[in-house]
Each structure stands twice: as structure tokens, then as C-alpha cells.
Amino acid sequence: MKNVHGRMKMTRSIAIVSLCLGLLLSACGGYDNDQPAEFGWMVGGCAGQDQALVEQTAGYTEECDPDPLLPEEMDYCTEKLFWEYDAQNQLLQLVDGPVSLNCCGLRYVRSDTAEGHYDLIEMDEPGDGRCRCMCDSIYSVCIHGLAEGLIPVRLFRHVTDDGTTEPTLIWEGELDLTQGGGQIDLGPSNSWNCI
């Protein structure tokens, strides 16, 4: 009889702990791996949207125009990740630039949720061929439907003809959406504007 009562108490305790954990997690907001996110993207800069795979790649939208997030005085010697969160519309926008790439190429952004992260992959494909010059690109991504909280993000870049088969990790970390926005230094750029 004692054994039965012991099991019942243990079952109740587990149920209470599970309920508390569920309430705590649901109140935290932020990243939810079971909640599908809607992604959009746009590519700007002198190697920008004219070469983007607009029709072939889902997600292209002018709503993700990078210009409003860029400073008036751009530091072309440092690649930066600018971000801004609109709490009312639950919209996160991330802008990466300057990204020095061959002037001839097809640019777009792939996105995925994997291993507890939002994975954003900046794509650069040769298309009909490359040129003998380098240009600056600005990649912009919008993620809809995010509640305030900590958002784990991984930023990759994949230049498909550079000899690597996998995307290169550019940055990994968490964004605290309650801060509303910010910028992250990604290191020196190879911009032709950096003289």
C-alpha cells in the first residue's frame, strides 16, 4: 500500500513539475522550434538586386529593403550585422554589409531552422559567369512572427564556385529582441571602398 501511495505522489510531482516548466517556457517568448517562421529577403548594393534570383527563389520582397537600417556614413572597412526588431508587428530584420563579391553573380538568401537556431545562408552563384571586378553587396533578411525574447541565429555565406562545398559560418549568437536593435562587428571587410 505504501508503495502505491509513493508512486501516486511521484506521479503528481512529475505532473506539477511538467506543468510549471510548460508555463515558464510559454511565457519566455522568443524562439519556438515548433512555430514556423516566415522569411523574406532582399539584396542591395552595387552587386545587388539586379543579379538576384527574384523569380526562381521564394521569399524575395522589397519589404526587406536594407537601406533604412544602414548608417548614413557607412564604414566600408568593417563588415557589420545591423538588426532591428518591430515588437508591434513581431518582425526582425537583419542587414549584413558590406560583403565584397564578384560583380557578376546571382545573389539570394536561404533560410532554415535547424539545431535550435535560425540559419540564414547568404548565397552567391556564378550564374552566366564571373567578371574581373569586385563589388559590395548588402544582404537583408526579414523574419516574421517572432515574440520578444532571445533568438539564436547563425549566419552563413556560400559562394558556390569558391572551391568549398559547405557554407562558411560568419557569425553565431543570440539576439535579445527586447533591446529593439543593434549592430555586431563581423570583422574587416574586403570592400573596394576601404582605401
Protein backbone atom coordinates (compact mmCIF):
# COMPACT_ATOMS: atom_id res chain seq x y z
CA MET A 1 0.00 0.00 0.00
CA LYS A 2 2.85 2.37 0.88
CA ASN A 3 4.40 1.60 -2.49
CA VAL A 4 1.17 2.59 -4.32
CA HIS A 5 0.92 5.88 -2.38
CA GLY A 6 4.60 6.57 -3.12
CA ARG A 7 4.02 6.08 -6.83
CA MET A 8 0.97 8.34 -6.80
CA LYS A 9 2.92 11.12 -5.06
CA MET A 10 5.77 10.76 -7.54
CA THR A 11 3.34 10.89 -10.49
CA ARG A 12 1.71 14.04 -9.07
CA SER A 13 5.12 15.65 -8.54
CA ILE A 14 6.19 14.91 -12.12
CA ALA A 15 2.91 16.35 -13.45
CA ILE A 16 3.31 19.53 -11.39
CA VAL A 17 6.94 20.00 -12.50
CA SER A 18 5.97 19.43 -16.17
CA LEU A 19 3.13 21.95 -15.90
CA CYS A 20 5.41 24.56 -14.31
CA LEU A 21 8.06 24.06 -16.98
CA GLY A 22 5.47 24.36 -19.73
CA LEU A 23 4.11 27.62 -18.29
CA LEU A 24 7.63 29.00 -17.84
CA LEU A 25 8.67 28.20 -21.41
CA SER A 26 5.48 29.58 -22.93
CA ALA A 27 5.95 32.85 -21.03
CA CYS A 28 9.51 33.37 -22.22
CA GLY A 29 8.66 34.23 -25.84
CA GLY A 30 11.46 34.30 -28.41
CA TYR A 31 12.44 31.18 -30.26
CA ASP A 32 9.98 28.32 -30.67
CA ASN A 33 11.26 25.48 -32.85
CA ASP A 34 7.69 24.20 -33.38
CA GLN A 35 6.48 27.57 -34.62
CA PRO A 36 7.16 28.02 -38.36
CA ALA A 37 8.70 31.37 -39.21
CA GLU A 38 8.07 33.31 -42.39
CA PHE A 39 11.25 34.55 -44.05
CA GLY A 40 11.80 37.28 -46.62
CA TRP A 41 14.96 38.68 -48.21
CA MET A 42 16.43 41.33 -50.47
CA VAL A 43 19.93 42.01 -51.80
CA GLY A 44 21.23 45.56 -52.27
CA GLY A 45 24.49 47.29 -53.05
CA CYS A 46 26.25 47.62 -56.39
CA ALA A 47 26.20 43.84 -56.79
CA GLY A 48 22.61 43.72 -55.64
CA GLN A 49 19.10 43.01 -56.72
CA ASP A 50 19.71 43.18 -60.47
CA GLN A 51 21.54 39.86 -60.13
CA ALA A 52 19.17 38.36 -57.54
CA LEU A 53 17.23 35.21 -58.33
CA VAL A 54 13.95 37.06 -57.90
CA GLU A 55 11.62 34.69 -59.73
CA GLN A 56 13.33 31.39 -59.01
CA THR A 57 13.79 31.86 -55.26
CA ALA A 58 10.91 32.15 -52.80
CA GLY A 59 10.95 34.91 -50.26
CA TYR A 60 12.14 37.93 -52.27
CA THR A 61 10.36 41.02 -51.01
CA GLU A 62 11.01 44.74 -51.16
CA GLU A 63 9.73 44.90 -47.58
CA CYS A 64 13.26 43.81 -46.65
CA ASP A 65 14.88 46.89 -48.20
CA PRO A 66 18.21 47.20 -46.32
CA ASP A 67 18.62 50.97 -46.74
CA PRO A 68 16.61 52.10 -43.65
CA LEU A 69 18.93 50.11 -41.36
CA LEU A 70 22.20 51.32 -42.88
CA PRO A 71 24.00 54.31 -41.38
CA GLU A 72 24.38 57.47 -43.45
CA GLU A 73 28.16 57.22 -43.07
CA MET A 74 28.93 53.59 -43.93
CA ASP A 75 32.17 52.12 -42.58
CA TYR A 76 33.27 50.15 -45.62
CA CYS A 77 36.32 48.75 -43.84
CA THR A 78 34.27 46.69 -41.36
CA GLU A 79 31.54 44.18 -42.18
CA LYS A 80 28.64 44.64 -39.77
CA LEU A 81 25.38 42.91 -38.97
CA PHE A 82 22.67 45.51 -38.28
CA TRP A 83 19.39 44.36 -36.78
CA GLU A 84 16.09 45.87 -35.76
CA TYR A 85 13.01 44.38 -34.11
CA ASP A 86 9.47 45.71 -34.54
CA ALA A 87 7.61 44.39 -31.47
CA GLN A 88 4.18 45.51 -32.67
CA ASN A 89 4.48 43.53 -35.92
CA GLN A 90 6.77 40.82 -34.46
CA LEU A 91 9.22 41.43 -37.30
CA LEU A 92 13.00 41.04 -37.11
CA GLN A 93 15.20 42.45 -39.88
CA LEU A 94 18.92 41.70 -40.22
CA VAL A 95 21.23 43.52 -42.67
CA ASP A 96 24.79 42.35 -43.40
CA GLY A 97 27.27 44.53 -45.24
CA PRO A 98 29.40 45.40 -46.94
CA VAL A 99 30.00 41.94 -48.43
CA SER A 100 32.66 42.04 -51.14
CA LEU A 101 31.77 39.70 -54.00
CA ASN A 102 32.45 39.36 -57.69
CA CYS A 103 30.42 41.97 -59.60
CA CYS A 104 28.79 39.24 -61.73
CA GLY A 105 26.75 36.72 -59.81
CA LEU A 106 23.32 35.63 -58.63
CA ARG A 107 22.53 36.51 -55.01
CA TYR A 108 19.72 35.41 -52.73
CA VAL A 109 19.17 34.14 -49.17
CA ARG A 110 18.23 30.66 -47.98
CA SER A 111 16.80 30.16 -44.51
CA ASP A 112 16.14 27.24 -42.23
CA THR A 113 15.53 26.33 -38.60
CA ALA A 114 17.99 23.67 -37.50
CA GLU A 115 19.57 22.51 -34.25
CA GLY A 116 17.69 25.16 -32.29
CA HIS A 117 18.86 28.06 -34.48
CA TYR A 118 17.60 30.29 -37.24
CA ASP A 119 20.09 29.57 -40.03
CA LEU A 120 20.47 32.33 -42.63
CA ILE A 121 22.60 31.47 -45.68
CA GLU A 122 23.76 34.25 -47.99
CA MET A 123 24.09 32.68 -51.44
CA ASP A 124 26.33 33.80 -54.31
CA GLU A 125 26.28 31.76 -57.54
CA PRO A 126 28.21 32.45 -60.76
CA GLY A 127 25.14 32.40 -63.00
CA ASP A 128 26.33 33.02 -66.57
CA GLY A 129 29.91 33.67 -65.46
CA ARG A 130 32.11 35.98 -63.39
CA CYS A 131 33.69 39.37 -64.12
CA ARG A 132 37.16 40.72 -63.41
CA CYS A 133 35.96 43.11 -60.71
CA MET A 134 34.66 43.10 -57.13
CA CYS A 135 31.57 44.89 -55.82
CA ASP A 136 29.87 45.39 -52.46
CA SER A 137 26.63 43.56 -51.70
CA ILE A 138 24.21 44.15 -48.83
CA TYR A 139 22.18 41.12 -47.71
CA SER A 140 18.91 41.75 -45.87
CA VAL A 141 16.62 39.18 -44.20
CA CYS A 142 13.21 39.59 -42.53
CA ILE A 143 11.76 37.05 -40.09
CA HIS A 144 8.07 37.37 -39.25
CA GLY A 145 6.15 36.09 -36.24
CA LEU A 146 8.78 36.37 -33.50
CA ALA A 147 7.79 37.16 -29.93
CA GLU A 148 10.18 39.18 -27.78
CA GLY A 149 12.96 37.13 -26.24
CA LEU A 150 16.33 35.61 -27.06
CA ILE A 151 16.68 34.45 -30.67
CA PRO A 152 19.56 32.10 -31.60
CA VAL A 153 20.92 32.95 -35.05
CA ARG A 154 23.62 31.50 -37.30
CA LEU A 155 24.75 33.49 -40.34
CA PHE A 156 26.44 31.62 -43.19
CA ARG A 157 27.75 32.55 -46.63
CA HIS A 158 28.05 30.20 -49.59
CA VAL A 159 29.97 31.27 -52.67
CA THR A 160 29.27 28.17 -54.72
CA ASP A 161 32.30 28.37 -57.02
CA ASP A 162 35.00 29.17 -54.44
CA GLY A 163 36.05 25.55 -54.02
CA THR A 164 34.08 24.85 -50.81
CA THR A 165 31.11 22.52 -50.71
CA GLU A 166 29.57 23.80 -47.47
CA PRO A 167 28.55 27.32 -46.40
CA THR A 168 31.03 29.24 -44.24
CA LEU A 169 29.89 30.31 -40.77
CA ILE A 170 30.13 34.11 -40.50
CA TRP A 171 28.52 34.66 -37.08
CA GLU A 172 26.68 32.72 -34.38
CA GLY A 173 24.97 34.10 -31.31
CA GLU A 174 21.76 35.23 -29.66
CA LEU A 175 19.84 38.44 -30.29
CA ASP A 176 17.86 39.90 -27.38
CA LEU A 177 14.81 41.29 -29.14
CA THR A 178 13.78 43.25 -26.03
CA GLN A 179 16.66 45.64 -26.87
CA GLY A 180 14.95 46.64 -30.12
CA GLY A 181 18.05 46.65 -32.30
CA GLY A 182 21.79 46.90 -32.52
CA GLN A 183 24.86 46.14 -34.61
CA ILE A 184 27.56 43.48 -34.47
CA ASP A 185 31.06 43.81 -35.91
CA LEU A 186 31.85 40.81 -38.11
CA GLY A 187 35.47 41.76 -38.79
CA PRO A 188 37.40 43.52 -41.55
CA SER A 189 35.73 43.69 -44.95
CA ASN A 190 37.42 43.35 -48.32
CA SER A 191 35.45 46.25 -49.74
CA TRP A 192 36.99 48.12 -52.65
CA ASN A 193 35.70 51.26 -50.89
CA CYS A 194 38.08 50.67 -47.98
CA ILE A 195 41.07 52.72 -49.12
